[in-house]
Amino acid sequence: MVVDDHGPVDPWGKSVGDLNGDGLVDLIVGGSQSGGLMWYQNPTWQTHVVRKSDQWSTDHETADVDDDGDLDWVALTKTALVGWRMA
């Protein structure tokens, strides 16, 4: 199965989690060279561009950081720690 054959270049950061609360595990991928940070929504693998820029490192994590019942995620770029709260 190919999810995206035109996705981030050299995908380093990879994580999984149910980002939209539908009971299906989604994919998060960030490229170390270019291509940005992408969220692939299961089951159709609809592509959501989260951030077009930055070079992403290997560590991406999902958890309910703010304890509101929604899964959030954090990721490392080459120079910063960034995070997103899902609504």
PDB file of N, CA and C in Angstrom:
ATOM      1  N   MET A   1       0.840  -1.175   0.000  1.00  0.00           N
ATOM      2  CA  MET A   1       0.000   0.000   0.000  1.00  0.00           C
ATOM      3  C   MET A   1       0.887   1.241   0.000  1.00  0.00           C
ATOM      4  N   VAL A   2       0.616   2.153  -0.887  1.00  0.00           N
ATOM      5  CA  VAL A   2       1.313   3.438  -0.935  1.00  0.00           C
ATOM      6  C   VAL A   2       0.330   4.495  -0.446  1.00  0.00           C
ATOM      7  N   VAL A   3       0.721   5.216   0.607  1.00  0.00           N
ATOM      8  CA  VAL A   3      -0.127   6.272   1.151  1.00  0.00           C
ATOM      9  C   VAL A   3       0.076   7.568   0.384  1.00  0.00           C
ATOM     10  N   ASP A   4       1.344   7.928   0.106  1.00  0.00           N
ATOM     11  CA  ASP A   4       1.639   9.174  -0.600  1.00  0.00           C
ATOM     12  C   ASP A   4       3.004   9.043  -1.256  1.00  0.00           C
ATOM     13  N   ASP A   5       3.030   8.885  -2.562  1.00  0.00           N
ATOM     14  CA  ASP A   5       4.316   8.739  -3.249  1.00  0.00           C
ATOM     15  C   ASP A   5       4.941  10.085  -3.611  1.00  0.00           C
ATOM     16  N   HIS A   6       4.335  11.182  -3.158  1.00  0.00           N
ATOM     17  CA  HIS A   6       4.880  12.529  -3.373  1.00  0.00           C
ATOM     18  C   HIS A   6       4.966  13.284  -2.057  1.00  0.00           C
ATOM     19  N   GLY A   7       5.118  12.568  -0.954  1.00  0.00           N
ATOM     20  CA  GLY A   7       5.110  13.174   0.375  1.00  0.00           C
ATOM     21  C   GLY A   7       6.426  13.826   0.747  1.00  0.00           C
ATOM     22  N   PRO A   8       6.635  14.046   2.034  1.00  0.00           N
ATOM     23  CA  PRO A   8       7.856  14.690   2.513  1.00  0.00           C
ATOM     24  C   PRO A   8       9.113  13.972   2.036  1.00  0.00           C
ATOM     25  N   VAL A   9      10.140  14.760   1.720  1.00  0.00           N
ATOM     26  CA  VAL A   9      11.414  14.219   1.255  1.00  0.00           C
ATOM     27  C   VAL A   9      12.203  13.691   2.453  1.00  0.00           C
ATOM     28  N   ASP A  10      12.692  12.460   2.325  1.00  0.00           N
ATOM     29  CA  ASP A  10      13.451  11.809   3.394  1.00  0.00           C
ATOM     30  C   ASP A  10      12.666  11.845   4.705  1.00  0.00           C
ATOM     31  N   PRO A  11      11.533  11.128   4.782  1.00  0.00           N
ATOM     32  CA  PRO A  11      10.668  11.189   5.958  1.00  0.00           C
ATOM     33  C   PRO A  11      11.333  10.619   7.207  1.00  0.00           C
ATOM     34  N   TRP A  12      11.689  11.495   8.116  1.00  0.00           N
ATOM     35  CA  TRP A  12      12.321  11.091   9.373  1.00  0.00           C
ATOM     36  C   TRP A  12      11.302  10.977  10.481  1.00  0.00           C
ATOM     37  N   GLY A  13      10.603  12.080  10.733  1.00  0.00           N
ATOM     38  CA  GLY A  13       9.643  12.080  11.832  1.00  0.00           C
ATOM     39  C   GLY A  13       8.395  11.319  11.456  1.00  0.00           C
ATOM     40  N   LYS A  14       8.089  10.291  12.227  1.00  0.00           N
ATOM     41  CA  LYS A  14       6.904   9.486  11.962  1.00  0.00           C
ATOM     42  C   LYS A  14       6.218   9.186  13.288  1.00  0.00           C
ATOM     43  N   SER A  15       4.889   9.276  13.297  1.00  0.00           N
ATOM     44  CA  SER A  15       4.130   8.967  14.500  1.00  0.00           C
ATOM     45  C   SER A  15       2.745   8.508  14.076  1.00  0.00           C
ATOM     46  N   VAL A  16       2.047   7.873  14.988  1.00  0.00           N
ATOM     47  CA  VAL A  16       0.683   7.425  14.738  1.00  0.00           C
ATOM     48  C   VAL A  16      -0.203   7.842  15.903  1.00  0.00           C
ATOM     49  N   GLY A  17      -1.483   8.007  15.629  1.00  0.00           N
ATOM     50  CA  GLY A  17      -2.450   8.336  16.667  1.00  0.00           C
ATOM     51  C   GLY A  17      -3.780   8.679  16.034  1.00  0.00           C
ATOM     52  N   ASP A  18      -4.837   8.564  16.800  1.00  0.00           N
ATOM     53  CA  ASP A  18      -6.174   8.899  16.323  1.00  0.00           C
ATOM     54  C   ASP A  18      -6.391  10.394  16.505  1.00  0.00           C
ATOM     55  N   LEU A  19      -5.953  11.184  15.541  1.00  0.00           N
ATOM     56  CA  LEU A  19      -5.960  12.639  15.672  1.00  0.00           C
ATOM     57  C   LEU A  19      -7.344  13.259  15.612  1.00  0.00           C
ATOM     58  N   ASN A  20      -8.281  12.635  14.933  1.00  0.00           N
ATOM     59  CA  ASN A  20      -9.604  13.233  14.804  1.00  0.00           C
ATOM     60  C   ASN A  20     -10.680  12.501  15.601  1.00  0.00           C
ATOM     61  N   GLY A  21     -10.292  11.543  16.433  1.00  0.00           N
ATOM     62  CA  GLY A  21     -11.229  10.878  17.336  1.00  0.00           C
ATOM     63  C   GLY A  21     -12.243   9.965  16.673  1.00  0.00           C
ATOM     64  N   ASP A  22     -11.926   9.448  15.483  1.00  0.00           N
ATOM     65  CA  ASP A  22     -12.874   8.572  14.790  1.00  0.00           C
ATOM     66  C   ASP A  22     -12.611   7.089  15.050  1.00  0.00           C
ATOM     67  N   GLY A  23     -11.656   6.779  15.926  1.00  0.00           N
ATOM     68  CA  GLY A  23     -11.343   5.394  16.245  1.00  0.00           C
ATOM     69  C   GLY A  23     -10.343   4.742  15.316  1.00  0.00           C
ATOM     70  N   LEU A  24      -9.847   5.472  14.323  1.00  0.00           N
ATOM     71  CA  LEU A  24      -8.864   4.940  13.374  1.00  0.00           C
ATOM     72  C   LEU A  24      -7.518   5.629  13.589  1.00  0.00           C
ATOM     73  N   VAL A  25      -6.454   4.867  13.474  1.00  0.00           N
ATOM     74  CA  VAL A  25      -5.111   5.404  13.686  1.00  0.00           C
ATOM     75  C   VAL A  25      -4.637   6.135  12.435  1.00  0.00           C
ATOM     76  N   ASP A  26      -4.300   7.415  12.592  1.00  0.00           N
ATOM     77  CA  ASP A  26      -3.807   8.256  11.509  1.00  0.00           C
ATOM     78  C   ASP A  26      -2.282   8.273  11.520  1.00  0.00           C
ATOM     79  N   LEU A  27      -1.690   8.779  10.455  1.00  0.00           N
ATOM     80  CA  LEU A  27      -0.234   8.875  10.328  1.00  0.00           C
ATOM     81  C   LEU A  27       0.198  10.333  10.327  1.00  0.00           C
ATOM     82  N   ILE A  28       1.346  10.614  10.943  1.00  0.00           N
ATOM     83  CA  ILE A  28       1.980  11.925  10.917  1.00  0.00           C
ATOM     84  C   ILE A  28       3.389  11.703  10.396  1.00  0.00           C
ATOM     85  N   VAL A  29       3.774  12.465   9.369  1.00  0.00           N
ATOM     86  CA  VAL A  29       5.095  12.294   8.768  1.00  0.00           C
ATOM     87  C   VAL A  29       5.704  13.658   8.482  1.00  0.00           C
ATOM     88  N   GLY A  30       6.979  13.811   8.857  1.00  0.00           N
ATOM     89  CA  GLY A  30       7.717  15.035   8.563  1.00  0.00           C
ATOM     90  C   GLY A  30       9.019  14.716   7.852  1.00  0.00           C
ATOM     91  N   GLY A  31       9.358  15.490   6.836  1.00  0.00           N
ATOM     92  CA  GLY A  31      10.571  15.259   6.056  1.00  0.00           C
ATOM     93  C   GLY A  31      11.786  15.960   6.633  1.00  0.00           C
ATOM     94  N   SER A  32      12.920  15.297   6.600  1.00  0.00           N
ATOM     95  CA  SER A  32      14.148  15.904   7.121  1.00  0.00           C
ATOM     96  C   SER A  32      14.773  16.870   6.123  1.00  0.00           C
ATOM     97  N   GLN A  33      14.451  16.745   4.854  1.00  0.00           N
ATOM     98  CA  GLN A  33      15.002  17.626   3.826  1.00  0.00           C
ATOM     99  C   GLN A  33      14.024  18.720   3.439  1.00  0.00           C
ATOM    100  N   SER A  34      12.796  18.320   3.124  1.00  0.00           N
ATOM    101  CA  SER A  34      11.753  19.276   2.737  1.00  0.00           C
ATOM    102  C   SER A  34      10.430  18.522   2.674  1.00  0.00           C
ATOM    103  N   GLY A  35       9.386  19.225   2.328  1.00  0.00           N
ATOM    104  CA  GLY A  35       8.084  18.584   2.190  1.00  0.00           C
ATOM    105  C   GLY A  35       7.154  18.835   3.345  1.00  0.00           C
ATOM    106  N   GLY A  36       7.660  19.438   4.403  1.00  0.00           N
ATOM    107  CA  GLY A  36       6.809  19.815   5.519  1.00  0.00           C
ATOM    108  C   GLY A  36       6.362  18.678   6.409  1.00  0.00           C
ATOM    109  N   LEU A  37       5.325  18.966   7.172  1.00  0.00           N
ATOM    110  CA  LEU A  37       4.741  18.012   8.119  1.00  0.00           C
ATOM    111  C   LEU A  37       3.336  17.686   7.640  1.00  0.00           C
ATOM    112  N   MET A  38       3.048  16.399   7.480  1.00  0.00           N
ATOM    113  CA  MET A  38       1.781  15.950   6.911  1.00  0.00           C
ATOM    114  C   MET A  38       1.028  15.059   7.894  1.00  0.00           C
ATOM    115  N   TRP A  39      -0.302  15.189   7.868  1.00  0.00           N
ATOM    116  CA  TRP A  39      -1.191  14.290   8.596  1.00  0.00           C
ATOM    117  C   TRP A  39      -1.981  13.535   7.545  1.00  0.00           C
ATOM    118  N   TYR A  40      -1.916  12.204   7.593  1.00  0.00           N
ATOM    119  CA  TYR A  40      -2.649  11.349   6.676  1.00  0.00           C
ATOM    120  C   TYR A  40      -3.803  10.726   7.451  1.00  0.00           C
ATOM    121  N   GLN A  41      -5.026  11.065   7.027  1.00  0.00           N
ATOM    122  CA  GLN A  41      -6.228  10.668   7.750  1.00  0.00           C
ATOM    123  C   GLN A  41      -6.728   9.309   7.260  1.00  0.00           C
ATOM    124  N   ASN A  42      -6.737   8.355   8.145  1.00  0.00           N
ATOM    125  CA  ASN A  42      -7.224   7.004   7.901  1.00  0.00           C
ATOM    126  C   ASN A  42      -8.755   7.041   7.816  1.00  0.00           C
ATOM    127  N   PRO A  43      -9.438   6.327   6.944  1.00  0.00           N
ATOM    128  CA  PRO A  43      -9.001   5.232   6.094  1.00  0.00           C
ATOM    129  C   PRO A  43      -8.686   5.638   4.653  1.00  0.00           C
ATOM    130  N   THR A  44      -8.994   6.870   4.235  1.00  0.00           N
ATOM    131  CA  THR A  44      -8.776   7.267   2.839  1.00  0.00           C
ATOM    132  C   THR A  44      -7.383   7.832   2.615  1.00  0.00           C
ATOM    133  N   TRP A  45      -6.657   8.104   3.690  1.00  0.00           N
ATOM    134  CA  TRP A  45      -5.329   8.716   3.676  1.00  0.00           C
ATOM    135  C   TRP A  45      -5.363  10.121   3.083  1.00  0.00           C
ATOM    136  N   GLN A  46      -6.496  10.805   3.323  1.00  0.00           N
ATOM    137  CA  GLN A  46      -6.593  12.210   2.924  1.00  0.00           C
ATOM    138  C   GLN A  46      -5.424  12.965   3.540  1.00  0.00           C
ATOM    139  N   THR A  47      -4.789  13.801   2.731  1.00  0.00           N
ATOM    140  CA  THR A  47      -3.594  14.520   3.154  1.00  0.00           C
ATOM    141  C   THR A  47      -3.958  15.884   3.729  1.00  0.00           C
ATOM    142  N   HIS A  48      -3.421  16.175   4.907  1.00  0.00           N
ATOM    143  CA  HIS A  48      -3.566  17.480   5.535  1.00  0.00           C
ATOM    144  C   HIS A  48      -2.154  18.045   5.715  1.00  0.00           C
ATOM    145  N   VAL A  49      -1.880  19.177   5.114  1.00  0.00           N
ATOM    146  CA  VAL A  49      -0.590  19.831   5.313  1.00  0.00           C
ATOM    147  C   VAL A  49      -0.670  20.597   6.627  1.00  0.00           C
ATOM    148  N   VAL A  50       0.108  20.165   7.607  1.00  0.00           N
ATOM    149  CA  VAL A  50       0.117  20.809   8.910  1.00  0.00           C
ATOM    150  C   VAL A  50       1.038  22.022   8.887  1.00  0.00           C
ATOM    151  N   ARG A  51       2.179  21.823   8.276  1.00  0.00           N
ATOM    152  CA  ARG A  51       3.167  22.898   8.169  1.00  0.00           C
ATOM    153  C   ARG A  51       4.004  22.647   6.930  1.00  0.00           C
ATOM    154  N   LYS A  52       4.098  23.627   6.039  1.00  0.00           N
ATOM    155  CA  LYS A  52       4.796  23.439   4.764  1.00  0.00           C
ATOM    156  C   LYS A  52       6.305  23.510   4.889  1.00  0.00           C
ATOM    157  N   SER A  53       6.793  24.175   5.908  1.00  0.00           N
ATOM    158  CA  SER A  53       8.235  24.416   6.001  1.00  0.00           C
ATOM    159  C   SER A  53       8.871  23.595   7.119  1.00  0.00           C
ATOM    160  N   ASP A  54      10.112  23.846   7.335  1.00  0.00           N
ATOM    161  CA  ASP A  54      10.952  23.240   8.378  1.00  0.00           C
ATOM    162  C   ASP A  54      11.490  21.880   7.955  1.00  0.00           C
ATOM    163  N   GLN A  55      12.594  21.547   8.580  1.00  0.00           N
ATOM    164  CA  GLN A  55      13.194  20.234   8.429  1.00  0.00           C
ATOM    165  C   GLN A  55      12.925  19.507   9.738  1.00  0.00           C
ATOM    166  N   TRP A  56      12.257  18.364   9.654  1.00  0.00           N
ATOM    167  CA  TRP A  56      11.781  17.663  10.840  1.00  0.00           C
ATOM    168  C   TRP A  56      12.758  16.610  11.308  1.00  0.00           C
ATOM    169  N   SER A  57      12.890  16.495  12.605  1.00  0.00           N
ATOM    170  CA  SER A  57      13.761  15.507  13.221  1.00  0.00           C
ATOM    171  C   SER A  57      12.989  14.199  13.400  1.00  0.00           C
ATOM    172  N   THR A  58      13.608  13.246  14.074  1.00  0.00           N
ATOM    173  CA  THR A  58      13.033  11.910  14.184  1.00  0.00           C
ATOM    174  C   THR A  58      11.941  11.780  15.227  1.00  0.00           C
ATOM    175  N   ASP A  59      11.849  12.674  16.180  1.00  0.00           N
ATOM    176  CA  ASP A  59      10.941  12.466  17.303  1.00  0.00           C
ATOM    177  C   ASP A  59       9.633  13.220  17.145  1.00  0.00           C
ATOM    178  N   HIS A  60       8.554  12.465  16.975  1.00  0.00           N
ATOM    179  CA  HIS A  60       7.189  12.987  16.953  1.00  0.00           C
ATOM    180  C   HIS A  60       6.400  12.121  17.925  1.00  0.00           C
ATOM    181  N   GLU A  61       5.633  12.724  18.792  1.00  0.00           N
ATOM    182  CA  GLU A  61       4.882  11.971  19.797  1.00  0.00           C
ATOM    183  C   GLU A  61       3.440  12.435  19.839  1.00  0.00           C
ATOM    184  N   THR A  62       2.515  11.518  20.110  1.00  0.00           N
ATOM    185  CA  THR A  62       1.115  11.858  20.289  1.00  0.00           C
ATOM    186  C   THR A  62       0.686  11.496  21.702  1.00  0.00           C
ATOM    187  N   ALA A  63      -0.105  12.370  22.324  1.00  0.00           N
ATOM    188  CA  ALA A  63      -0.645  12.153  23.666  1.00  0.00           C
ATOM    189  C   ALA A  63      -1.681  13.237  23.936  1.00  0.00           C
ATOM    190  N   ASP A  64      -2.522  13.007  24.913  1.00  0.00           N
ATOM    191  CA  ASP A  64      -3.481  14.025  25.324  1.00  0.00           C
ATOM    192  C   ASP A  64      -2.783  14.943  26.319  1.00  0.00           C
ATOM    193  N   VAL A  65      -1.994  15.862  25.819  1.00  0.00           N
ATOM    194  CA  VAL A  65      -1.136  16.727  26.634  1.00  0.00           C
ATOM    195  C   VAL A  65      -1.951  17.638  27.552  1.00  0.00           C
ATOM    196  N   ASP A  66      -3.055  18.185  27.041  1.00  0.00           N
ATOM    197  CA  ASP A  66      -3.835  19.144  27.828  1.00  0.00           C
ATOM    198  C   ASP A  66      -5.025  18.504  28.549  1.00  0.00           C
ATOM    199  N   ASP A  67      -5.107  17.171  28.559  1.00  0.00           N
ATOM    200  CA  ASP A  67      -6.105  16.408  29.311  1.00  0.00           C
ATOM    201  C   ASP A  67      -7.544  16.813  28.976  1.00  0.00           C
ATOM    202  N   ASP A  68      -7.810  17.064  27.681  1.00  0.00           N
ATOM    203  CA  ASP A  68      -9.163  17.438  27.280  1.00  0.00           C
ATOM    204  C   ASP A  68      -9.878  16.327  26.513  1.00  0.00           C
ATOM    205  N   GLY A  69      -9.251  15.162  26.409  1.00  0.00           N
ATOM    206  CA  GLY A  69      -9.847  14.028  25.714  1.00  0.00           C
ATOM    207  C   GLY A  69      -9.478  13.926  24.250  1.00  0.00           C
ATOM    208  N   ASP A  70      -8.827  14.955  23.697  1.00  0.00           N
ATOM    209  CA  ASP A  70      -8.371  14.942  22.312  1.00  0.00           C
ATOM    210  C   ASP A  70      -6.881  14.645  22.271  1.00  0.00           C
ATOM    211  N   LEU A  71      -6.463  13.876  21.278  1.00  0.00           N
ATOM    212  CA  LEU A  71      -5.052  13.556  21.123  1.00  0.00           C
ATOM    213  C   LEU A  71      -4.314  14.737  20.506  1.00  0.00           C
ATOM    214  N   ASP A  72      -3.229  15.163  21.120  1.00  0.00           N
ATOM    215  CA  ASP A  72      -2.383  16.254  20.635  1.00  0.00           C
ATOM    216  C   ASP A  72      -1.064  15.648  20.171  1.00  0.00           C
ATOM    217  N   TRP A  73      -0.195  16.476  19.570  1.00  0.00           N
ATOM    218  CA  TRP A  73       1.123  15.947  19.255  1.00  0.00           C
ATOM    219  C   TRP A  73       2.184  17.015  19.332  1.00  0.00           C
ATOM    220  N   VAL A  74       3.407  16.535  19.563  1.00  0.00           N
ATOM    221  CA  VAL A  74       4.590  17.398  19.578  1.00  0.00           C
ATOM    222  C   VAL A  74       5.600  16.820  18.601  1.00  0.00           C
ATOM    223  N   ALA A  75       6.435  17.705  18.055  1.00  0.00           N
ATOM    224  CA  ALA A  75       7.433  17.276  17.080  1.00  0.00           C
ATOM    225  C   ALA A  75       8.657  18.168  17.185  1.00  0.00           C
ATOM    226  N   LEU A  76       9.782  17.645  16.782  1.00  0.00           N
ATOM    227  CA  LEU A  76      11.028  18.396  16.761  1.00  0.00           C
ATOM    228  C   LEU A  76      11.390  18.769  15.334  1.00  0.00           C
ATOM    229  N   THR A  77      11.735  20.047  15.141  1.00  0.00           N
ATOM    230  CA  THR A  77      12.372  20.443  13.900  1.00  0.00           C
ATOM    231  C   THR A  77      13.869  20.387  14.166  1.00  0.00           C
ATOM    232  N   LYS A  78      14.654  20.822  13.210  1.00  0.00           N
ATOM    233  CA  LYS A  78      16.099  20.870  13.436  1.00  0.00           C
ATOM    234  C   LYS A  78      16.471  21.912  14.495  1.00  0.00           C
ATOM    235  N   THR A  79      15.551  22.882  14.761  1.00  0.00           N
ATOM    236  CA  THR A  79      15.890  23.977  15.674  1.00  0.00           C
ATOM    237  C   THR A  79      14.865  24.239  16.770  1.00  0.00           C
ATOM    238  N   ALA A  80      13.729  23.556  16.791  1.00  0.00           N
ATOM    239  CA  ALA A  80      12.684  23.902  17.769  1.00  0.00           C
ATOM    240  C   ALA A  80      11.801  22.707  18.117  1.00  0.00           C
ATOM    241  N   LEU A  81      11.119  22.837  19.244  1.00  0.00           N
ATOM    242  CA  LEU A  81      10.056  21.903  19.650  1.00  0.00           C
ATOM    243  C   LEU A  81       8.735  22.588  19.363  1.00  0.00           C
ATOM    244  N   VAL A  82       7.865  21.943  18.597  1.00  0.00           N
ATOM    245  CA  VAL A  82       6.580  22.520  18.249  1.00  0.00           C
ATOM    246  C   VAL A  82       5.461  21.551  18.648  1.00  0.00           C
ATOM    247  N   GLY A  83       4.287  22.104  18.899  1.00  0.00           N
ATOM    248  CA  GLY A  83       3.180  21.256  19.312  1.00  0.00           C
ATOM    249  C   GLY A  83       1.857  21.732  18.741  1.00  0.00           C
ATOM    250  N   TRP A  84       0.882  20.824  18.689  1.00  0.00           N
ATOM    251  CA  TRP A  84      -0.440  21.120  18.189  1.00  0.00           C
ATOM    252  C   TRP A  84      -1.458  20.531  19.122  1.00  0.00           C
ATOM    253  N   ARG A  85      -2.500  21.295  19.395  1.00  0.00           N
ATOM    254  CA  ARG A  85      -3.641  20.825  20.162  1.00  0.00           C
ATOM    255  C   ARG A  85      -4.779  20.593  19.186  1.00  0.00           C
ATOM    256  N   MET A  86      -5.314  19.392  19.208  1.00  0.00           N
ATOM    257  CA  MET A  86      -6.441  19.070  18.342  1.00  0.00           C
ATOM    258  C   MET A  86      -7.718  19.548  19.027  1.00  0.00           C
ATOM    259  N   ALA A  87      -8.659  20.011  18.249  1.00  0.00           N
ATOM    260  CA  ALA A  87      -9.922  20.514  18.816  1.00  0.00           C
ATOM    261  C   ALA A  87     -11.030  19.499  18.624  1.00  0.00           C
TER     262      ALA A  87
END
